[in-house]
Protein backbone atom coordinates (compact mmCIF):
# COMPACT_ATOMS: atom_id res chain seq x y z
CA MET A 1 -1.95 -50.84 -18.17
CA VAL A 2 -1.64 -49.92 -14.36
CA GLN A 3 -4.79 -51.95 -13.54
CA SER A 4 -3.57 -54.83 -15.45
CA ARG A 5 -0.35 -54.78 -13.78
CA LEU A 6 -1.95 -54.34 -10.30
CA LEU A 7 -3.90 -57.41 -11.04
CA ASP A 8 -0.96 -59.35 -12.10
CA ILE A 9 0.79 -58.65 -8.99
CA ALA A 10 -2.23 -59.20 -6.89
CA VAL A 11 -2.58 -62.60 -8.36
CA ARG A 12 0.95 -63.36 -7.56
CA GLU A 13 0.86 -62.02 -3.93
CA PHE A 14 -2.60 -63.81 -3.15
CA GLY A 15 -1.31 -67.00 -4.70
CA SER A 16 1.78 -67.16 -2.63
CA LYS A 17 0.57 -65.63 0.52
CA GLY A 18 -3.14 -66.03 0.76
CA LEU A 19 -5.93 -63.69 1.23
CA GLU A 20 -4.74 -62.97 4.88
CA GLY A 21 -1.10 -62.86 4.22
CA ALA A 22 -0.96 -60.69 1.29
CA SER A 23 -0.68 -56.88 1.84
CA THR A 24 -2.59 -54.52 -0.36
CA ARG A 25 0.06 -51.83 0.57
CA GLY A 26 2.78 -54.06 -0.84
CA ILE A 27 0.65 -54.80 -3.84
CA ALA A 28 0.18 -51.18 -4.54
CA ALA A 29 3.78 -50.25 -4.18
CA ALA A 30 4.86 -53.16 -6.53
CA ALA A 31 2.48 -51.92 -8.96
CA GLY A 32 3.53 -48.34 -8.71
CA THR A 33 0.24 -46.98 -7.78
CA ALA A 34 -1.42 -45.52 -4.53
CA MET A 35 -3.31 -47.55 -1.91
CA SER A 36 -6.32 -45.17 -2.81
CA SER A 37 -6.41 -46.73 -6.26
CA ILE A 38 -7.21 -50.26 -4.80
CA THR A 39 -9.79 -48.54 -2.69
CA TYR A 40 -11.37 -46.53 -5.25
CA HIS A 41 -11.56 -49.42 -7.92
CA TYR A 42 -12.05 -52.46 -5.65
CA GLY A 43 -13.22 -51.27 -2.33
CA GLY A 44 -10.27 -52.83 -0.47
CA LYS A 45 -8.60 -56.19 -0.10
CA ASP A 46 -11.65 -58.50 -0.46
CA GLY A 47 -12.68 -56.74 -3.65
CA LEU A 48 -9.28 -56.88 -4.96
CA TYR A 49 -8.92 -60.71 -4.35
CA LEU A 50 -12.27 -61.17 -6.18
CA ALA A 51 -10.92 -59.00 -9.18
CA ALA A 52 -7.81 -61.16 -9.12
CA ALA A 53 -9.94 -64.16 -9.61
CA ASP A 54 -11.81 -62.49 -12.55
CA HIS A 55 -8.48 -61.61 -14.00
CA ILE A 56 -7.28 -65.34 -14.01
CA ALA A 57 -10.68 -66.23 -15.58
CA VAL A 58 -10.17 -63.91 -18.41
CA GLN A 59 -6.61 -65.34 -18.79
CA MET A 60 -7.90 -68.79 -18.82
CA ASP A 61 -10.29 -67.99 -21.54
CA ASP A 62 -7.47 -67.04 -23.82
CA ASP A 63 -5.12 -69.75 -22.88
CA MET A 64 -7.90 -72.59 -23.00
CA ALA A 65 -9.86 -71.59 -25.88
CA THR A 66 -8.43 -74.88 -27.59
CA LEU A 67 -10.07 -76.93 -24.91
CA LEU A 68 -13.57 -75.86 -25.96
CA SER A 69 -13.17 -76.69 -29.58
CA CYS A 70 -15.75 -79.55 -29.45
CA GLU A 71 -18.70 -77.12 -29.20
CA PRO A 72 -21.24 -77.92 -30.25
CA LEU A 73 -20.96 -81.65 -29.10
CA PRO A 74 -20.22 -84.28 -31.76
CA ALA A 75 -23.17 -86.26 -33.01
CA ASP A 76 -21.89 -89.74 -32.03
CA ALA A 77 -19.77 -91.83 -29.67
CA THR A 78 -16.88 -91.96 -32.05
CA GLY A 79 -16.57 -88.18 -32.46
CA ALA A 80 -16.88 -87.62 -28.71
CA ARG A 81 -14.07 -89.89 -27.94
CA VAL A 82 -11.84 -88.04 -30.46
CA CYS A 83 -12.89 -84.82 -28.76
CA LEU A 84 -12.30 -85.96 -25.39
CA HIS A 85 -8.64 -87.29 -26.49
CA GLU A 86 -8.26 -83.72 -27.90
CA LEU A 87 -9.30 -81.99 -24.86
CA LEU A 88 -6.95 -84.18 -22.64
CA ASP A 89 -4.09 -83.62 -24.89
CA HIS A 90 -4.51 -79.86 -24.93
CA PHE A 91 -5.08 -79.92 -21.27
CA PHE A 92 -1.66 -81.97 -20.61
CA ASP A 93 0.15 -79.48 -22.80
CA LYS A 94 -0.89 -76.65 -20.41
CA MET A 95 -0.25 -78.65 -17.20
CA PHE A 96 3.18 -79.99 -18.26
CA ASN A 97 4.72 -77.03 -20.09
CA ASP A 98 3.33 -74.08 -18.50
CA ARG A 99 5.95 -73.04 -15.81
CA GLU A 100 4.16 -69.84 -14.47
CA PRO A 101 3.05 -70.43 -10.87
CA GLU A 102 1.19 -67.39 -9.98
CA SER A 103 -2.40 -68.33 -11.19
CA ALA A 104 -1.81 -72.12 -10.59
CA LEU A 105 -1.10 -71.26 -6.82
CA PHE A 106 -4.04 -68.98 -6.63
CA ILE A 107 -6.34 -71.53 -8.05
CA MET A 108 -4.74 -74.34 -5.94
CA ARG A 109 -5.63 -72.43 -2.79
CA GLU A 110 -9.15 -71.85 -4.02
CA GLN A 111 -9.36 -75.71 -4.62
CA MET A 112 -8.38 -76.33 -1.03
CA GLU A 113 -10.36 -73.70 0.78
CA PRO A 114 -12.88 -72.16 -1.64
CA THR A 115 -14.12 -68.56 -1.18
CA ALA A 116 -16.47 -66.57 -3.12
CA ALA A 117 -13.54 -66.20 -5.61
CA PHE A 118 -13.91 -69.85 -6.67
CA ASP A 119 -17.31 -69.08 -8.26
CA ARG A 120 -15.71 -66.44 -10.35
CA LEU A 121 -13.21 -69.14 -11.49
CA TYR A 122 -15.72 -71.98 -11.99
CA ASN A 123 -18.27 -69.69 -14.06
CA GLY A 124 -15.33 -69.16 -16.45
CA PRO A 125 -13.64 -71.61 -18.59
CA MET A 126 -13.03 -74.01 -15.66
CA GLY A 127 -16.73 -74.90 -15.41
CA ARG A 128 -17.37 -74.93 -19.01
CA ILE A 129 -14.44 -77.22 -19.69
CA ALA A 130 -15.64 -79.69 -16.81
CA THR A 131 -19.22 -79.74 -18.19
CA GLN A 132 -18.00 -80.33 -21.66
CA MET A 133 -15.75 -83.28 -20.41
CA VAL A 134 -18.75 -84.86 -18.58
CA ASP A 135 -21.03 -84.42 -21.66
CA LEU A 136 -18.23 -85.99 -23.85
CA ILE A 137 -17.69 -88.98 -21.60
CA ALA A 138 -21.50 -89.60 -21.33
CA LEU A 139 -21.76 -89.54 -25.17
CA ALA A 140 -18.81 -91.59 -25.76
CA SER A 141 -19.81 -94.51 -23.56
CA GLY A 142 -23.47 -94.21 -22.94
CA THR A 143 -22.84 -94.07 -19.12
CA THR A 144 -25.08 -92.48 -16.58
CA ARG A 145 -24.46 -88.85 -15.88
CA ALA A 146 -23.17 -89.64 -12.40
CA LEU A 147 -20.64 -92.07 -13.50
CA ALA A 148 -19.53 -89.56 -16.36
CA GLU A 149 -19.03 -86.91 -13.66
CA ILE A 150 -16.86 -89.26 -11.45
CA THR A 151 -14.80 -90.36 -14.72
CA ALA A 152 -14.37 -86.70 -15.67
CA MET A 153 -12.51 -86.03 -12.37
CA LEU A 154 -10.50 -89.16 -12.47
CA LEU A 155 -9.36 -88.37 -16.11
CA PHE A 156 -8.76 -84.79 -14.98
CA GLY A 157 -6.57 -86.08 -12.22
CA GLN A 158 -4.01 -88.03 -14.33
CA VAL A 159 -3.37 -84.70 -16.06
CA ILE A 160 -3.45 -82.14 -13.26
CA VAL A 161 -0.93 -84.22 -11.38
CA TRP A 162 1.74 -83.02 -13.59
CA ARG A 163 1.33 -79.47 -12.31
CA ALA A 164 -0.14 -79.93 -8.81
CA SER A 165 2.60 -82.57 -7.73
CA ARG A 166 5.31 -81.50 -10.24
CA ALA A 167 8.21 -81.96 -7.69
CA LEU A 168 6.83 -85.48 -6.77
CA ALA A 169 6.26 -86.39 -10.30
CA ALA A 170 9.92 -85.30 -11.11
CA ARG A 171 11.39 -87.52 -8.32
CA VAL A 172 9.30 -90.56 -9.32
CA PHE A 173 9.74 -90.26 -12.91
CA ALA A 174 13.53 -90.58 -12.88
CA SER A 175 14.03 -92.68 -16.08
CA ALA A 176 16.31 -91.34 -18.69
CA VAL A 177 13.72 -90.77 -21.66
CA THR A 178 14.38 -88.39 -24.54
CA ASP A 179 10.83 -87.12 -24.68
CA PRO A 180 8.87 -87.84 -21.40
CA ALA A 181 6.01 -85.61 -22.45
CA ALA A 182 5.34 -88.03 -25.58
CA LEU A 183 5.48 -91.35 -23.12
CA ILE A 184 3.18 -89.57 -20.62
CA ARG A 185 0.80 -88.27 -23.36
CA ALA A 186 0.52 -91.88 -24.98
CA GLN A 187 -0.10 -93.56 -21.52
CA ILE A 188 -2.96 -90.89 -20.80
CA ALA A 189 -4.54 -91.73 -24.13
CA ARG A 190 -4.45 -95.48 -23.32
CA ASN A 191 -5.87 -94.97 -19.75
CA THR A 192 -8.81 -92.87 -21.25
CA ASP A 193 -9.45 -95.67 -23.76
CA VAL A 194 -9.44 -98.39 -21.17
CA ILE A 195 -11.91 -96.45 -19.02
CA LEU A 196 -14.39 -95.62 -21.87
CA ASP A 197 -14.24 -99.06 -23.20
CA ARG A 198 -15.11 -100.38 -19.57
CA LEU A 199 -17.96 -97.66 -19.16
CA THR A 200 -19.33 -98.73 -22.75
CA ALA A 201 -19.42 -102.31 -22.00
CA ASP A 202 -21.05 -101.85 -18.70
CA ALA A 203 -23.76 -99.47 -19.99
CA GLN A 204 -24.61 -102.23 -22.80
CA GLU A 205 -24.86 -104.96 -20.27
CA PRO A 206 -28.73 -106.07 -20.07
CA LEU A 207 -30.16 -105.09 -16.75
């Protein structure tokens, strides 16, 4: 219990202040444990930082299990498209509705200036979801692996923006809509279909 609380606080402190700005002494005090506990279990600040990344990866495994529901891959393009829509829909729910900033800030720092901790995050559900998405795009459209990888990032982007640019999105999306999530969700689905249709058409054109 103490170790879990310590890691929760470490995620919060590293996320808001970064590796250099966070204080292990402050983290230990907030967790109600001694500095020696950090040294004993993690070897120091760098070890605690990596452990915080592992802690996030474990939480992501629990939170995003539904995003990996299309394993193994479907047998045909239609099934792959359905799975891709489901994946993006679940991911949008997470990005739009989750208001907990601690792990998001930590991950965003690692996206901007990756350290060894990013490998811990990517080797968890983050990398598996990205790989699954590329596989689904390639299967749904028949496009090349390279274009599927680019398209995966483009499709991710239209969802991630609702967390990474939450303040900007709130200012831009100022319309009085009763259920904005439903409107956004529908547009993401339309965008996805248009992109897949174009990739499919291009893949079927004779050389």
